[in-house]
Amino acid sequence: MSGLASLTALEGRWSMARRIVHDDGRCDLFEGESVFHRSGPRLIQDESGVLTPSRGGTSMKATRRYVWSADGSRIDVAFEDMRPFHSVPLGVEVYETTYLCPPDRYQVSYDFKGFPNWVAVWTVEGPRKAYRMETQFQRLS
């Protein structure tokens, strides 16, 4: 099976390099790590790192948490408070899905072709936001 084969394949530490390219040309950078750790049958994803704005401003620490769980032939991703976010089928190399949070739209494209290195690209559109966020994940030993 190619692509992401199982939930447990994500367990562990990953370096993260993220570029956030806004429609006005700004490009913010995030460098950090993502740790997927077991909590019963689920994996908790904790992102932490430093966000550096492209046009001045002070770099700041940034964190984010998601909950990943296996459900048959897919992985469900939830927000920290367990609200559903989106799902990813197992065994695919590339997958796209959309999350609607009116009036905003979040579209993600996962690329697992080079797993254990993988990429998530988000395109975000709304009345007050318009950006493309690409995150490269590389397994840390």
C-alpha atoms as a PDB file:
ATOM      1  CA  MET A   1       0.000   0.000   0.000  1.00  0.00           C
ATOM      2  CA  SER A   2       1.373   3.413  -0.894  1.00  0.00           C
ATOM      3  CA  GLY A   3       0.670   6.733   0.757  1.00  0.00           C
ATOM      4  CA  LEU A   4      -0.314   6.893   4.403  1.00  0.00           C
ATOM      5  CA  ALA A   5      -0.854   3.268   5.438  1.00  0.00           C
ATOM      6  CA  SER A   6      -2.040   3.628   9.044  1.00  0.00           C
ATOM      7  CA  LEU A   7      -2.604   6.003  11.920  1.00  0.00           C
ATOM      8  CA  THR A   8       0.407   4.581  13.767  1.00  0.00           C
ATOM      9  CA  ALA A   9       2.658   5.564  10.841  1.00  0.00           C
ATOM     10  CA  LEU A  10       2.283   9.175  12.033  1.00  0.00           C
ATOM     11  CA  GLU A  11       3.357   8.485  15.619  1.00  0.00           C
ATOM     12  CA  GLY A  12       6.549  10.290  16.632  1.00  0.00           C
ATOM     13  CA  ARG A  13       8.305  13.617  16.053  1.00  0.00           C
ATOM     14  CA  TRP A  14       8.353  15.573  12.791  1.00  0.00           C
ATOM     15  CA  SER A  15      10.154  18.747  11.797  1.00  0.00           C
ATOM     16  CA  MET A  16       7.878  21.343  10.221  1.00  0.00           C
ATOM     17  CA  ALA A  17       8.703  24.065   7.718  1.00  0.00           C
ATOM     18  CA  ARG A  18       5.684  26.185   6.802  1.00  0.00           C
ATOM     19  CA  ARG A  19       5.310  29.031   4.285  1.00  0.00           C
ATOM     20  CA  ILE A  20       2.184  31.174   4.481  1.00  0.00           C
ATOM     21  CA  VAL A  21       1.811  33.167   1.268  1.00  0.00           C
ATOM     22  CA  HIS A  22      -0.890  35.837   1.446  1.00  0.00           C
ATOM     23  CA  ASP A  23      -2.662  37.167  -1.646  1.00  0.00           C
ATOM     24  CA  ASP A  24      -1.083  40.593  -1.023  1.00  0.00           C
ATOM     25  CA  GLY A  25       2.399  39.064  -1.455  1.00  0.00           C
ATOM     26  CA  ARG A  26       3.426  38.699   2.193  1.00  0.00           C
ATOM     27  CA  CYS A  27       5.160  35.424   3.035  1.00  0.00           C
ATOM     28  CA  ASP A  28       5.263  34.439   6.708  1.00  0.00           C
ATOM     29  CA  LEU A  29       7.422  31.536   7.891  1.00  0.00           C
ATOM     30  CA  PHE A  30       6.861  28.973  10.636  1.00  0.00           C
ATOM     31  CA  GLU A  31       9.633  26.640  11.798  1.00  0.00           C
ATOM     32  CA  GLY A  32       9.044  24.031  14.460  1.00  0.00           C
ATOM     33  CA  GLU A  33       8.015  20.500  15.138  1.00  0.00           C
ATOM     34  CA  SER A  34       4.915  18.388  15.291  1.00  0.00           C
ATOM     35  CA  VAL A  35       4.630  15.534  17.762  1.00  0.00           C
ATOM     36  CA  PHE A  36       2.028  12.811  17.284  1.00  0.00           C
ATOM     37  CA  HIS A  37       1.618  10.985  20.607  1.00  0.00           C
ATOM     38  CA  ARG A  38      -0.754   8.239  21.606  1.00  0.00           C
ATOM     39  CA  SER A  39      -3.805   8.896  23.769  1.00  0.00           C
ATOM     40  CA  GLY A  40      -5.740   5.638  23.915  1.00  0.00           C
ATOM     41  CA  PRO A  41      -6.795   4.744  20.358  1.00  0.00           C
ATOM     42  CA  ARG A  42      -6.092   8.276  19.086  1.00  0.00           C
ATOM     43  CA  LEU A  43      -3.037  10.329  18.227  1.00  0.00           C
ATOM     44  CA  ILE A  44      -2.744  13.858  19.564  1.00  0.00           C
ATOM     45  CA  GLN A  45      -0.863  16.161  17.200  1.00  0.00           C
ATOM     46  CA  ASP A  46       0.918  19.012  18.997  1.00  0.00           C
ATOM     47  CA  GLU A  47       2.547  21.625  16.772  1.00  0.00           C
ATOM     48  CA  SER A  48       4.959  24.117  18.293  1.00  0.00           C
ATOM     49  CA  GLY A  49       7.410  26.541  16.807  1.00  0.00           C
ATOM     50  CA  VAL A  50       8.146  30.134  15.884  1.00  0.00           C
ATOM     51  CA  LEU A  51       6.124  32.204  13.422  1.00  0.00           C
ATOM     52  CA  THR A  52       8.132  34.937  11.696  1.00  0.00           C
ATOM     53  CA  PRO A  53       6.145  37.638   9.878  1.00  0.00           C
ATOM     54  CA  SER A  54       7.586  38.748   6.534  1.00  0.00           C
ATOM     55  CA  ARG A  55       7.044  42.480   6.946  1.00  0.00           C
ATOM     56  CA  GLY A  56       8.491  43.481  10.271  1.00  0.00           C
ATOM     57  CA  GLY A  57       6.858  42.601  13.499  1.00  0.00           C
ATOM     58  CA  THR A  58       8.150  40.336  16.189  1.00  0.00           C
ATOM     59  CA  SER A  59       8.566  36.585  15.823  1.00  0.00           C
ATOM     60  CA  MET A  60       6.240  34.730  18.151  1.00  0.00           C
ATOM     61  CA  LYS A  61       5.768  31.268  19.554  1.00  0.00           C
ATOM     62  CA  ALA A  62       2.848  29.418  18.001  1.00  0.00           C
ATOM     63  CA  THR A  63       1.120  26.192  19.013  1.00  0.00           C
ATOM     64  CA  ARG A  64      -1.757  24.162  17.663  1.00  0.00           C
ATOM     65  CA  ARG A  65      -3.368  20.826  18.596  1.00  0.00           C
ATOM     66  CA  TYR A  66      -5.420  18.316  16.612  1.00  0.00           C
ATOM     67  CA  VAL A  67      -6.757  14.825  17.363  1.00  0.00           C
ATOM     68  CA  TRP A  68      -6.322  12.078  14.743  1.00  0.00           C
ATOM     69  CA  SER A  69      -8.224   8.771  14.967  1.00  0.00           C
ATOM     70  CA  ALA A  70      -8.581   5.728  12.722  1.00  0.00           C
ATOM     71  CA  ASP A  71     -12.012   4.759  11.458  1.00  0.00           C
ATOM     72  CA  GLY A  72     -11.806   1.761   9.147  1.00  0.00           C
ATOM     73  CA  SER A  73     -10.181   2.832   5.896  1.00  0.00           C
ATOM     74  CA  ARG A  74      -9.794   6.500   6.851  1.00  0.00           C
ATOM     75  CA  ILE A  75      -8.312   8.808   9.454  1.00  0.00           C
ATOM     76  CA  ASP A  76     -10.559  11.435  10.998  1.00  0.00           C
ATOM     77  CA  VAL A  77      -8.971  14.700  12.088  1.00  0.00           C
ATOM     78  CA  ALA A  78     -10.679  16.729  14.819  1.00  0.00           C
ATOM     79  CA  PHE A  79     -10.000  20.012  16.520  1.00  0.00           C
ATOM     80  CA  GLU A  80      -8.649  19.927  20.076  1.00  0.00           C
ATOM     81  CA  ASP A  81     -12.223  20.136  21.442  1.00  0.00           C
ATOM     82  CA  MET A  82     -13.164  17.098  19.284  1.00  0.00           C
ATOM     83  CA  ARG A  83     -15.245  19.020  16.725  1.00  0.00           C
ATOM     84  CA  PRO A  84     -14.874  17.231  13.379  1.00  0.00           C
ATOM     85  CA  PHE A  85     -12.435  18.867  10.962  1.00  0.00           C
ATOM     86  CA  HIS A  86     -11.833  16.556   7.984  1.00  0.00           C
ATOM     87  CA  SER A  87     -10.953  12.971   6.993  1.00  0.00           C
ATOM     88  CA  VAL A  88      -8.104  11.400   5.026  1.00  0.00           C
ATOM     89  CA  PRO A  89      -8.467   7.976   3.383  1.00  0.00           C
ATOM     90  CA  LEU A  90      -5.703   5.473   4.036  1.00  0.00           C
ATOM     91  CA  GLY A  91      -3.568   4.203   1.181  1.00  0.00           C
ATOM     92  CA  VAL A  92      -3.805   7.225  -1.112  1.00  0.00           C
ATOM     93  CA  GLU A  93      -0.743   9.181  -2.168  1.00  0.00           C
ATOM     94  CA  VAL A  94      -2.525  12.488  -2.800  1.00  0.00           C
ATOM     95  CA  TYR A  95      -5.841  13.591  -1.349  1.00  0.00           C
ATOM     96  CA  GLU A  96      -7.855  16.832  -1.294  1.00  0.00           C
ATOM     97  CA  THR A  97     -10.786  17.810   0.863  1.00  0.00           C
ATOM     98  CA  THR A  98     -12.583  20.956   1.975  1.00  0.00           C
ATOM     99  CA  TYR A  99     -13.711  22.243   5.363  1.00  0.00           C
ATOM    100  CA  LEU A 100     -16.365  24.959   5.384  1.00  0.00           C
ATOM    101  CA  CYS A 101     -16.539  27.397   8.287  1.00  0.00           C
ATOM    102  CA  PRO A 102     -18.844  30.080   6.845  1.00  0.00           C
ATOM    103  CA  PRO A 103     -17.966  32.541   5.591  1.00  0.00           C
ATOM    104  CA  ASP A 104     -14.500  30.947   5.244  1.00  0.00           C
ATOM    105  CA  ARG A 105     -13.408  28.003   3.101  1.00  0.00           C
ATOM    106  CA  TYR A 106     -10.395  25.787   3.886  1.00  0.00           C
ATOM    107  CA  GLN A 107      -9.154  23.366   1.234  1.00  0.00           C
ATOM    108  CA  VAL A 108      -6.318  20.968   2.006  1.00  0.00           C
ATOM    109  CA  SER A 109      -4.231  18.820  -0.290  1.00  0.00           C
ATOM    110  CA  TYR A 110      -2.140  16.100   1.333  1.00  0.00           C
ATOM    111  CA  ASP A 111       0.811  14.594  -0.528  1.00  0.00           C
ATOM    112  CA  PHE A 112       2.051  11.317   0.967  1.00  0.00           C
ATOM    113  CA  LYS A 113       3.981  10.131  -2.143  1.00  0.00           C
ATOM    114  CA  GLY A 114       7.342  10.507  -0.365  1.00  0.00           C
ATOM    115  CA  PHE A 115       6.169   9.181   3.018  1.00  0.00           C
ATOM    116  CA  PRO A 116       7.608   9.318   5.655  1.00  0.00           C
ATOM    117  CA  ASN A 117       8.163  12.857   4.341  1.00  0.00           C
ATOM    118  CA  TRP A 118       4.847  14.482   3.477  1.00  0.00           C
ATOM    119  CA  VAL A 119       3.250  17.819   2.621  1.00  0.00           C
ATOM    120  CA  ALA A 120      -0.011  19.541   3.532  1.00  0.00           C
ATOM    121  CA  VAL A 121      -1.102  22.542   1.443  1.00  0.00           C
ATOM    122  CA  TRP A 122      -4.008  24.655   2.657  1.00  0.00           C
ATOM    123  CA  THR A 123      -5.779  27.232   0.514  1.00  0.00           C
ATOM    124  CA  VAL A 124      -7.841  29.549   2.714  1.00  0.00           C
ATOM    125  CA  GLU A 125     -10.432  31.995   1.405  1.00  0.00           C
ATOM    126  CA  GLY A 126     -12.845  34.284   3.185  1.00  0.00           C
ATOM    127  CA  PRO A 127     -13.928  37.894   3.452  1.00  0.00           C
ATOM    128  CA  ARG A 128     -10.924  38.764   5.642  1.00  0.00           C
ATOM    129  CA  LYS A 129      -8.421  36.069   4.676  1.00  0.00           C
ATOM    130  CA  ALA A 130      -6.780  34.797   1.530  1.00  0.00           C
ATOM    131  CA  TYR A 131      -3.603  32.733   1.730  1.00  0.00           C
ATOM    132  CA  ARG A 132      -1.852  29.509   0.767  1.00  0.00           C
ATOM    133  CA  MET A 133      -0.082  27.620   3.543  1.00  0.00           C
ATOM    134  CA  GLU A 134       2.365  24.850   2.655  1.00  0.00           C
ATOM    135  CA  THR A 135       3.853  22.659   5.378  1.00  0.00           C
ATOM    136  CA  GLN A 136       6.676  20.167   4.813  1.00  0.00           C
ATOM    137  CA  PHE A 137       6.900  17.363   7.409  1.00  0.00           C
ATOM    138  CA  GLN A 138      10.085  15.307   7.867  1.00  0.00           C
ATOM    139  CA  ARG A 139      10.411  12.543  10.442  1.00  0.00           C
ATOM    140  CA  LEU A 140      12.895  13.216  13.254  1.00  0.00           C
ATOM    141  CA  SER A 141      14.797  10.257  14.676  1.00  0.00           C
END
